[in-house]
Each structure stands twice: as structure tokens, then as C-alpha cells.
Amino acid sequence: MSTLEIVAGIILILCSVIIILVVLAQDTKDDGLTSAIGGGYNESFYENNMSRTKDAKLSRFTKVAAALIFIITLAMNVIVNLKK
């Protein structure tokens, strides 16, 4: 195993743990009784500014970490196969 493979493996493990923690920190999207009474449509200040909320930031962070895992895994497979 080369140093590059070890570093990439450590980064993959860290990204995986980060994704787990970020997903656990997010609130559920379940509207519960509100959607049953109001028909599922609840327009409020919170709804209009969804991109600035904590959940939106966590969601973006999850997407970035998942993209990193995908890119690093793909790159390491290409590098290892080129060495053969």
C-alpha cells in the first residue's frame, strides 16, 4: 500500500463519519399533524428562507462530503489500475 492510498483511505473514513454525524444532526422533514390540517402547504417566513437555515447548510455539507467520497474513490481506483 502506498502513502497515497493510506491518505485517501483516511480521508474516506473521515468523510463517512462526517456524513453520518451531519445526517443525524438534521431535523426530520415530517410535517406531522400540520400537513393533515392545512393540506400540506404551509407558507411562512421559514419556508421562504429555506436556503439560509441550519438544515439547508447541513444538507449542502452532506452533498459535498458525498461528492468527495465519490471523487476520491473513483480517483483511487483509476490510480491503482494504472499502476498494474
PDB file of N, CA and C in Angstrom:
ATOM      1  N   MET A   1       0.831  -1.173   0.000  1.00  0.00           N
ATOM      2  CA  MET A   1       0.000   0.000   0.000  1.00  0.00           C
ATOM      3  C   MET A   1       0.882   1.245   0.000  1.00  0.00           C
ATOM      4  N   SER A   2       0.560   2.154  -0.890  1.00  0.00           N
ATOM      5  CA  SER A   2       1.354   3.374  -0.966  1.00  0.00           C
ATOM      6  C   SER A   2       0.819   4.420   0.010  1.00  0.00           C
ATOM      7  N   THR A   3       1.600   5.452   0.181  1.00  0.00           N
ATOM      8  CA  THR A   3       1.209   6.542   1.071  1.00  0.00           C
ATOM      9  C   THR A   3      -0.061   7.220   0.571  1.00  0.00           C
ATOM     10  N   LEU A   4      -0.181   7.361  -0.727  1.00  0.00           N
ATOM     11  CA  LEU A   4      -1.361   7.979  -1.321  1.00  0.00           C
ATOM     12  C   LEU A   4      -2.623   7.180  -1.016  1.00  0.00           C
ATOM     13  N   GLU A   5      -2.534   5.866  -1.072  1.00  0.00           N
ATOM     14  CA  GLU A   5      -3.688   5.021  -0.770  1.00  0.00           C
ATOM     15  C   GLU A   5      -4.082   5.124   0.700  1.00  0.00           C
ATOM     16  N   ILE A   6      -3.099   5.219   1.583  1.00  0.00           N
ATOM     17  CA  ILE A   6      -3.375   5.340   3.014  1.00  0.00           C
ATOM     18  C   ILE A   6      -4.052   6.672   3.317  1.00  0.00           C
ATOM     19  N   VAL A   7      -3.526   7.754   2.733  1.00  0.00           N
ATOM     20  CA  VAL A   7      -4.107   9.081   2.945  1.00  0.00           C
ATOM     21  C   VAL A   7      -5.527   9.131   2.394  1.00  0.00           C
ATOM     22  N   ALA A   8      -5.737   8.576   1.213  1.00  0.00           N
ATOM     23  CA  ALA A   8      -7.075   8.559   0.617  1.00  0.00           C
ATOM     24  C   ALA A   8      -8.034   7.732   1.471  1.00  0.00           C
ATOM     25  N   GLY A   9      -7.573   6.634   2.011  1.00  0.00           N
ATOM     26  CA  GLY A   9      -8.406   5.814   2.892  1.00  0.00           C
ATOM     27  C   GLY A   9      -8.805   6.550   4.157  1.00  0.00           C
ATOM     28  N   ILE A  10      -7.872   7.286   4.734  1.00  0.00           N
ATOM     29  CA  ILE A  10      -8.171   8.070   5.936  1.00  0.00           C
ATOM     30  C   ILE A  10      -9.185   9.163   5.611  1.00  0.00           C
ATOM     31  N   ILE A  11      -9.025   9.827   4.468  1.00  0.00           N
ATOM     32  CA  ILE A  11      -9.971  10.870   4.060  1.00  0.00           C
ATOM     33  C   ILE A  11     -11.361  10.268   3.829  1.00  0.00           C
ATOM     34  N   LEU A  12     -11.422   9.080   3.227  1.00  0.00           N
ATOM     35  CA  LEU A  12     -12.708   8.416   3.008  1.00  0.00           C
ATOM     36  C   LEU A  12     -13.395   8.075   4.327  1.00  0.00           C
ATOM     37  N   ILE A  13     -12.642   7.601   5.281  1.00  0.00           N
ATOM     38  CA  ILE A  13     -13.215   7.276   6.595  1.00  0.00           C
ATOM     39  C   ILE A  13     -13.726   8.536   7.281  1.00  0.00           C
ATOM     40  N   LEU A  14     -12.944   9.615   7.226  1.00  0.00           N
ATOM     41  CA  LEU A  14     -13.374  10.868   7.837  1.00  0.00           C
ATOM     42  C   LEU A  14     -14.638  11.413   7.178  1.00  0.00           C
ATOM     43  N   CYS A  15     -14.687  11.373   5.859  1.00  0.00           N
ATOM     44  CA  CYS A  15     -15.887  11.835   5.143  1.00  0.00           C
ATOM     45  C   CYS A  15     -17.095  10.995   5.503  1.00  0.00           C
ATOM     46  N   SER A  16     -16.907   9.701   5.646  1.00  0.00           N
ATOM     47  CA  SER A  16     -18.019   8.816   6.008  1.00  0.00           C
ATOM     48  C   SER A  16     -18.555   9.140   7.397  1.00  0.00           C
ATOM     49  N   VAL A  17     -17.661   9.355   8.337  1.00  0.00           N
ATOM     50  CA  VAL A  17     -18.077   9.702   9.699  1.00  0.00           C
ATOM     51  C   VAL A  17     -18.769  11.060   9.707  1.00  0.00           C
ATOM     52  N   ILE A  18     -18.249  12.008   8.938  1.00  0.00           N
ATOM     53  CA  ILE A  18     -18.860  13.332   8.854  1.00  0.00           C
ATOM     54  C   ILE A  18     -20.273  13.239   8.283  1.00  0.00           C
ATOM     55  N   ILE A  19     -20.456  12.437   7.240  1.00  0.00           N
ATOM     56  CA  ILE A  19     -21.789  12.275   6.656  1.00  0.00           C
ATOM     57  C   ILE A  19     -22.758  11.687   7.685  1.00  0.00           C
ATOM     58  N   ILE A  20     -22.322  10.702   8.423  1.00  0.00           N
ATOM     59  CA  ILE A  20     -23.181  10.090   9.443  1.00  0.00           C
ATOM     60  C   ILE A  20     -23.591  11.121  10.491  1.00  0.00           C
ATOM     61  N   LEU A  21     -22.625  11.896  10.979  1.00  0.00           N
ATOM     62  CA  LEU A  21     -22.927  12.881  12.010  1.00  0.00           C
ATOM     63  C   LEU A  21     -23.827  14.002  11.496  1.00  0.00           C
ATOM     64  N   VAL A  22     -23.585  14.450  10.270  1.00  0.00           N
ATOM     65  CA  VAL A  22     -24.386  15.537   9.705  1.00  0.00           C
ATOM     66  C   VAL A  22     -25.818  15.079   9.456  1.00  0.00           C
ATOM     67  N   VAL A  23     -25.990  13.867   8.957  1.00  0.00           N
ATOM     68  CA  VAL A  23     -27.342  13.358   8.716  1.00  0.00           C
ATOM     69  C   VAL A  23     -28.088  13.191  10.034  1.00  0.00           C
ATOM     70  N   LEU A  24     -27.408  12.741  11.069  1.00  0.00           N
ATOM     71  CA  LEU A  24     -28.058  12.608  12.373  1.00  0.00           C
ATOM     72  C   LEU A  24     -28.416  13.967  12.972  1.00  0.00           C
ATOM     73  N   ALA A  25     -27.671  15.016  12.633  1.00  0.00           N
ATOM     74  CA  ALA A  25     -27.935  16.355  13.166  1.00  0.00           C
ATOM     75  C   ALA A  25     -29.098  17.049  12.472  1.00  0.00           C
ATOM     76  N   GLN A  26     -29.487  16.574  11.301  1.00  0.00           N
ATOM     77  CA  GLN A  26     -30.573  17.211  10.558  1.00  0.00           C
ATOM     78  C   GLN A  26     -31.923  16.881  11.174  1.00  0.00           C
ATOM     79  N   ASP A  27     -32.848  17.833  11.053  1.00  0.00           N
ATOM     80  CA  ASP A  27     -34.221  17.606  11.515  1.00  0.00           C
ATOM     81  C   ASP A  27     -34.959  16.762  10.495  1.00  0.00           C
ATOM     82  N   THR A  28     -35.998  16.086  10.967  1.00  0.00           N
ATOM     83  CA  THR A  28     -36.805  15.298  10.048  1.00  0.00           C
ATOM     84  C   THR A  28     -37.686  16.215   9.220  1.00  0.00           C
ATOM     85  N   LYS A  29     -38.057  15.773   8.051  1.00  0.00           N
ATOM     86  CA  LYS A  29     -38.886  16.567   7.145  1.00  0.00           C
ATOM     87  C   LYS A  29     -40.370  16.283   7.341  1.00  0.00           C
ATOM     88  N   ASP A  30     -40.720  15.515   8.342  1.00  0.00           N
ATOM     89  CA  ASP A  30     -42.107  15.133   8.583  1.00  0.00           C
ATOM     90  C   ASP A  30     -42.895  16.326   9.116  1.00  0.00           C
ATOM     91  N   ASP A  31     -44.006  16.662   8.445  1.00  0.00           N
ATOM     92  CA  ASP A  31     -44.840  17.779   8.870  1.00  0.00           C
ATOM     93  C   ASP A  31     -45.821  17.380   9.963  1.00  0.00           C
ATOM     94  N   GLY A  32     -46.107  16.122  10.069  1.00  0.00           N
ATOM     95  CA  GLY A  32     -46.985  15.626  11.109  1.00  0.00           C
ATOM     96  C   GLY A  32     -48.410  16.104  10.957  1.00  0.00           C
ATOM     97  N   LEU A  33     -49.001  16.556  12.041  1.00  0.00           N
ATOM     98  CA  LEU A  33     -50.393  16.951  12.063  1.00  0.00           C
ATOM     99  C   LEU A  33     -50.640  18.240  11.275  1.00  0.00           C
ATOM    100  N   THR A  34     -49.628  19.070  11.134  1.00  0.00           N
ATOM    101  CA  THR A  34     -49.774  20.317  10.389  1.00  0.00           C
ATOM    102  C   THR A  34     -50.197  20.062   8.953  1.00  0.00           C
ATOM    103  N   SER A  35     -49.611  19.073   8.305  1.00  0.00           N
ATOM    104  CA  SER A  35     -49.964  18.793   6.921  1.00  0.00           C
ATOM    105  C   SER A  35     -51.358  18.178   6.801  1.00  0.00           C
ATOM    106  N   ALA A  36     -51.800  17.471   7.834  1.00  0.00           N
ATOM    107  CA  ALA A  36     -53.134  16.879   7.796  1.00  0.00           C
ATOM    108  C   ALA A  36     -54.217  17.948   7.907  1.00  0.00           C
ATOM    109  N   ILE A  37     -53.986  18.951   8.723  1.00  0.00           N
ATOM    110  CA  ILE A  37     -54.979  20.007   8.921  1.00  0.00           C
ATOM    111  C   ILE A  37     -54.903  21.037   7.796  1.00  0.00           C
ATOM    112  N   GLY A  38     -53.699  21.457   7.467  1.00  0.00           N
ATOM    113  CA  GLY A  38     -53.530  22.529   6.486  1.00  0.00           C
ATOM    114  C   GLY A  38     -53.398  22.051   5.061  1.00  0.00           C
ATOM    115  N   GLY A  39     -53.457  20.795   4.818  1.00  0.00           N
ATOM    116  CA  GLY A  39     -53.353  20.283   3.463  1.00  0.00           C
ATOM    117  C   GLY A  39     -51.930  20.160   2.961  1.00  0.00           C
ATOM    118  N   GLY A  40     -50.960  20.272   3.826  1.00  0.00           N
ATOM    119  CA  GLY A  40     -49.568  20.079   3.429  1.00  0.00           C
ATOM    120  C   GLY A  40     -48.884  21.321   2.909  1.00  0.00           C
ATOM    121  N   TYR A  41     -49.583  22.438   2.821  1.00  0.00           N
ATOM    122  CA  TYR A  41     -48.987  23.662   2.301  1.00  0.00           C
ATOM    123  C   TYR A  41     -48.923  24.672   3.433  1.00  0.00           C
ATOM    124  N   ASN A  42     -47.722  24.998   3.853  1.00  0.00           N
ATOM    125  CA  ASN A  42     -47.533  25.911   4.964  1.00  0.00           C
ATOM    126  C   ASN A  42     -46.513  26.956   4.568  1.00  0.00           C
ATOM    127  N   GLU A  43     -46.984  28.083   4.075  1.00  0.00           N
ATOM    128  CA  GLU A  43     -46.077  29.143   3.654  1.00  0.00           C
ATOM    129  C   GLU A  43     -45.804  30.054   4.837  1.00  0.00           C
ATOM    130  N   SER A  44     -44.551  30.200   5.156  1.00  0.00           N
ATOM    131  CA  SER A  44     -44.165  31.059   6.258  1.00  0.00           C
ATOM    132  C   SER A  44     -42.813  31.676   5.946  1.00  0.00           C
ATOM    133  N   PHE A  45     -42.367  32.513   6.831  1.00  0.00           N
ATOM    134  CA  PHE A  45     -41.052  33.134   6.648  1.00  0.00           C
ATOM    135  C   PHE A  45     -39.968  32.064   6.607  1.00  0.00           C
ATOM    136  N   TYR A  46     -40.128  31.061   7.435  1.00  0.00           N
ATOM    137  CA  TYR A  46     -39.163  29.970   7.479  1.00  0.00           C
ATOM    138  C   TYR A  46     -39.106  29.232   6.150  1.00  0.00           C
ATOM    139  N   GLU A  47     -40.250  28.984   5.563  1.00  0.00           N
ATOM    140  CA  GLU A  47     -40.307  28.276   4.277  1.00  0.00           C
ATOM    141  C   GLU A  47     -39.666  29.099   3.163  1.00  0.00           C
ATOM    142  N   ASN A  48     -39.892  30.406   3.181  1.00  0.00           N
ATOM    143  CA  ASN A  48     -39.376  31.277   2.125  1.00  0.00           C
ATOM    144  C   ASN A  48     -37.867  31.452   2.194  1.00  0.00           C
ATOM    145  N   ASN A  49     -37.284  31.315   3.363  1.00  0.00           N
ATOM    146  CA  ASN A  49     -35.840  31.500   3.546  1.00  0.00           C
ATOM    147  C   ASN A  49     -35.155  30.184   3.875  1.00  0.00           C
ATOM    148  N   MET A  50     -35.586  29.125   3.218  1.00  0.00           N
ATOM    149  CA  MET A  50     -35.096  27.780   3.498  1.00  0.00           C
ATOM    150  C   MET A  50     -33.594  27.628   3.233  1.00  0.00           C
ATOM    151  N   SER A  51     -33.042  28.359   2.253  1.00  0.00           N
ATOM    152  CA  SER A  51     -31.635  28.183   1.903  1.00  0.00           C
ATOM    153  C   SER A  51     -30.694  28.739   2.965  1.00  0.00           C
ATOM    154  N   ARG A  52     -31.209  29.522   3.885  1.00  0.00           N
ATOM    155  CA  ARG A  52     -30.365  30.129   4.915  1.00  0.00           C
ATOM    156  C   ARG A  52     -30.442  29.405   6.250  1.00  0.00           C
ATOM    157  N   THR A  53     -31.193  28.348   6.322  1.00  0.00           N
ATOM    158  CA  THR A  53     -31.390  27.651   7.591  1.00  0.00           C
ATOM    159  C   THR A  53     -30.252  26.680   7.879  1.00  0.00           C
ATOM    160  N   LYS A  54     -30.248  26.216   9.106  1.00  0.00           N
ATOM    161  CA  LYS A  54     -29.236  25.240   9.530  1.00  0.00           C
ATOM    162  C   LYS A  54     -29.366  23.948   8.734  1.00  0.00           C
ATOM    163  N   ASP A  55     -30.601  23.518   8.501  1.00  0.00           N
ATOM    164  CA  ASP A  55     -30.821  22.279   7.758  1.00  0.00           C
ATOM    165  C   ASP A  55     -30.335  22.383   6.319  1.00  0.00           C
ATOM    166  N   ALA A  56     -30.510  23.534   5.708  1.00  0.00           N
ATOM    167  CA  ALA A  56     -30.038  23.718   4.334  1.00  0.00           C
ATOM    168  C   ALA A  56     -28.516  23.651   4.278  1.00  0.00           C
ATOM    169  N   LYS A  57     -27.871  24.240   5.264  1.00  0.00           N
ATOM    170  CA  LYS A  57     -26.403  24.200   5.312  1.00  0.00           C
ATOM    171  C   LYS A  57     -25.909  22.776   5.556  1.00  0.00           C
ATOM    172  N   LEU A  58     -26.588  22.059   6.447  1.00  0.00           N
ATOM    173  CA  LEU A  58     -26.207  20.671   6.702  1.00  0.00           C
ATOM    174  C   LEU A  58     -26.434  19.805   5.468  1.00  0.00           C
ATOM    175  N   SER A  59     -27.516  20.071   4.756  1.00  0.00           N
ATOM    176  CA  SER A  59     -27.802  19.324   3.535  1.00  0.00           C
ATOM    177  C   SER A  59     -26.731  19.565   2.474  1.00  0.00           C
ATOM    178  N   ARG A  60     -26.330  20.817   2.325  1.00  0.00           N
ATOM    179  CA  ARG A  60     -25.262  21.139   1.370  1.00  0.00           C
ATOM    180  C   ARG A  60     -23.949  20.466   1.773  1.00  0.00           C
ATOM    181  N   PHE A  61     -23.655  20.475   3.085  1.00  0.00           N
ATOM    182  CA  PHE A  61     -22.429  19.846   3.587  1.00  0.00           C
ATOM    183  C   PHE A  61     -22.451  18.348   3.323  1.00  0.00           C
ATOM    184  N   THR A  62     -23.625  17.720   3.465  1.00  0.00           N
ATOM    185  CA  THR A  62     -23.766  16.296   3.182  1.00  0.00           C
ATOM    186  C   THR A  62     -23.474  16.012   1.715  1.00  0.00           C
ATOM    187  N   LYS A  63     -24.001  16.849   0.826  1.00  0.00           N
ATOM    188  CA  LYS A  63     -23.775  16.666  -0.612  1.00  0.00           C
ATOM    189  C   LYS A  63     -22.308  16.822  -0.968  1.00  0.00           C
ATOM    190  N   VAL A  64     -21.623  17.789  -0.356  1.00  0.00           N
ATOM    191  CA  VAL A  64     -20.203  17.993  -0.630  1.00  0.00           C
ATOM    192  C   VAL A  64     -19.385  16.801  -0.142  1.00  0.00           C
ATOM    193  N   ALA A  65     -19.686  16.307   1.047  1.00  0.00           N
ATOM    194  CA  ALA A  65     -18.951  15.156   1.583  1.00  0.00           C
ATOM    195  C   ALA A  65     -19.194  13.911   0.740  1.00  0.00           C
ATOM    196  N   ALA A  66     -20.426  13.717   0.281  1.00  0.00           N
ATOM    197  CA  ALA A  66     -20.728  12.565  -0.583  1.00  0.00           C
ATOM    198  C   ALA A  66     -19.999  12.686  -1.917  1.00  0.00           C
ATOM    199  N   ALA A  67     -19.934  13.892  -2.460  1.00  0.00           N
ATOM    200  CA  ALA A  67     -19.202  14.102  -3.715  1.00  0.00           C
ATOM    201  C   ALA A  67     -17.716  13.830  -3.518  1.00  0.00           C
ATOM    202  N   LEU A  68     -17.169  14.229  -2.379  1.00  0.00           N
ATOM    203  CA  LEU A  68     -15.758  13.947  -2.082  1.00  0.00           C
ATOM    204  C   LEU A  68     -15.498  12.449  -2.019  1.00  0.00           C
ATOM    205  N   ILE A  69     -16.388  11.721  -1.377  1.00  0.00           N
ATOM    206  CA  ILE A  69     -16.229  10.266  -1.305  1.00  0.00           C
ATOM    207  C   ILE A  69     -16.241   9.669  -2.704  1.00  0.00           C
ATOM    208  N   PHE A  70     -17.179  10.102  -3.525  1.00  0.00           N
ATOM    209  CA  PHE A  70     -17.280   9.588  -4.890  1.00  0.00           C
ATOM    210  C   PHE A  70     -16.018   9.900  -5.691  1.00  0.00           C
ATOM    211  N   ILE A  71     -15.557  11.137  -5.643  1.00  0.00           N
ATOM    212  CA  ILE A  71     -14.389  11.555  -6.425  1.00  0.00           C
ATOM    213  C   ILE A  71     -13.124  10.859  -5.951  1.00  0.00           C
ATOM    214  N   ILE A  72     -12.916  10.781  -4.647  1.00  0.00           N
ATOM    215  CA  ILE A  72     -11.701  10.150  -4.122  1.00  0.00           C
ATOM    216  C   ILE A  72     -11.692   8.656  -4.443  1.00  0.00           C
ATOM    217  N   THR A  73     -12.838   7.994  -4.296  1.00  0.00           N
ATOM    218  CA  THR A  73     -12.906   6.563  -4.611  1.00  0.00           C
ATOM    219  C   THR A  73     -12.629   6.315  -6.082  1.00  0.00           C
ATOM    220  N   LEU A  74     -13.228   7.114  -6.944  1.00  0.00           N
ATOM    221  CA  LEU A  74     -13.007   6.976  -8.378  1.00  0.00           C
ATOM    222  C   LEU A  74     -11.546   7.229  -8.742  1.00  0.00           C
ATOM    223  N   ALA A  75     -10.972   8.284  -8.187  1.00  0.00           N
ATOM    224  CA  ALA A  75      -9.569   8.616  -8.476  1.00  0.00           C
ATOM    225  C   ALA A  75      -8.623   7.519  -7.990  1.00  0.00           C
ATOM    226  N   MET A  76      -8.890   6.979  -6.814  1.00  0.00           N
ATOM    227  CA  MET A  76      -8.007   5.928  -6.296  1.00  0.00           C
ATOM    228  C   MET A  76      -8.119   4.654  -7.131  1.00  0.00           C
ATOM    229  N   ASN A  77      -9.308   4.327  -7.614  1.00  0.00           N
ATOM    230  CA  ASN A  77      -9.446   3.161  -8.484  1.00  0.00           C
ATOM    231  C   ASN A  77      -8.684   3.355  -9.784  1.00  0.00           C
ATOM    232  N   VAL A  78      -8.749   4.546 -10.336  1.00  0.00           N
ATOM    233  CA  VAL A  78      -8.018   4.826 -11.584  1.00  0.00           C
ATOM    234  C   VAL A  78      -6.516   4.754 -11.336  1.00  0.00           C
ATOM    235  N   ILE A  79      -6.044   5.328 -10.254  1.00  0.00           N
ATOM    236  CA  ILE A  79      -4.603   5.332  -9.944  1.00  0.00           C
ATOM    237  C   ILE A  79      -4.092   3.923  -9.711  1.00  0.00           C
ATOM    238  N   VAL A  80      -4.833   3.128  -8.938  1.00  0.00           N
ATOM    239  CA  VAL A  80      -4.404   1.750  -8.642  1.00  0.00           C
ATOM    240  C   VAL A  80      -4.393   0.919  -9.920  1.00  0.00           C
ATOM    241  N   ASN A  81      -5.403   1.086 -10.778  1.00  0.00           N
ATOM    242  CA  ASN A  81      -5.452   0.323 -12.024  1.00  0.00           C
ATOM    243  C   ASN A  81      -4.373   0.744 -13.018  1.00  0.00           C
ATOM    244  N   LEU A  82      -3.945   1.996 -12.968  1.00  0.00           N
ATOM    245  CA  LEU A  82      -2.857   2.448 -13.841  1.00  0.00           C
ATOM    246  C   LEU A  82      -1.516   1.875 -13.405  1.00  0.00           C
ATOM    247  N   LYS A  83      -1.354   1.593 -12.129  1.00  0.00           N
ATOM    248  CA  LYS A  83      -0.108   1.033 -11.618  1.00  0.00           C
ATOM    249  C   LYS A  83       0.074  -0.423 -12.059  1.00  0.00           C
ATOM    250  N   LYS A  84      -1.022  -1.121 -12.340  1.00  0.00           N
ATOM    251  CA  LYS A  84      -0.945  -2.540 -12.690  1.00  0.00           C
ATOM    252  C   LYS A  84      -0.451  -2.734 -14.078  1.00  0.00           C
TER     253      LYS A  84
END
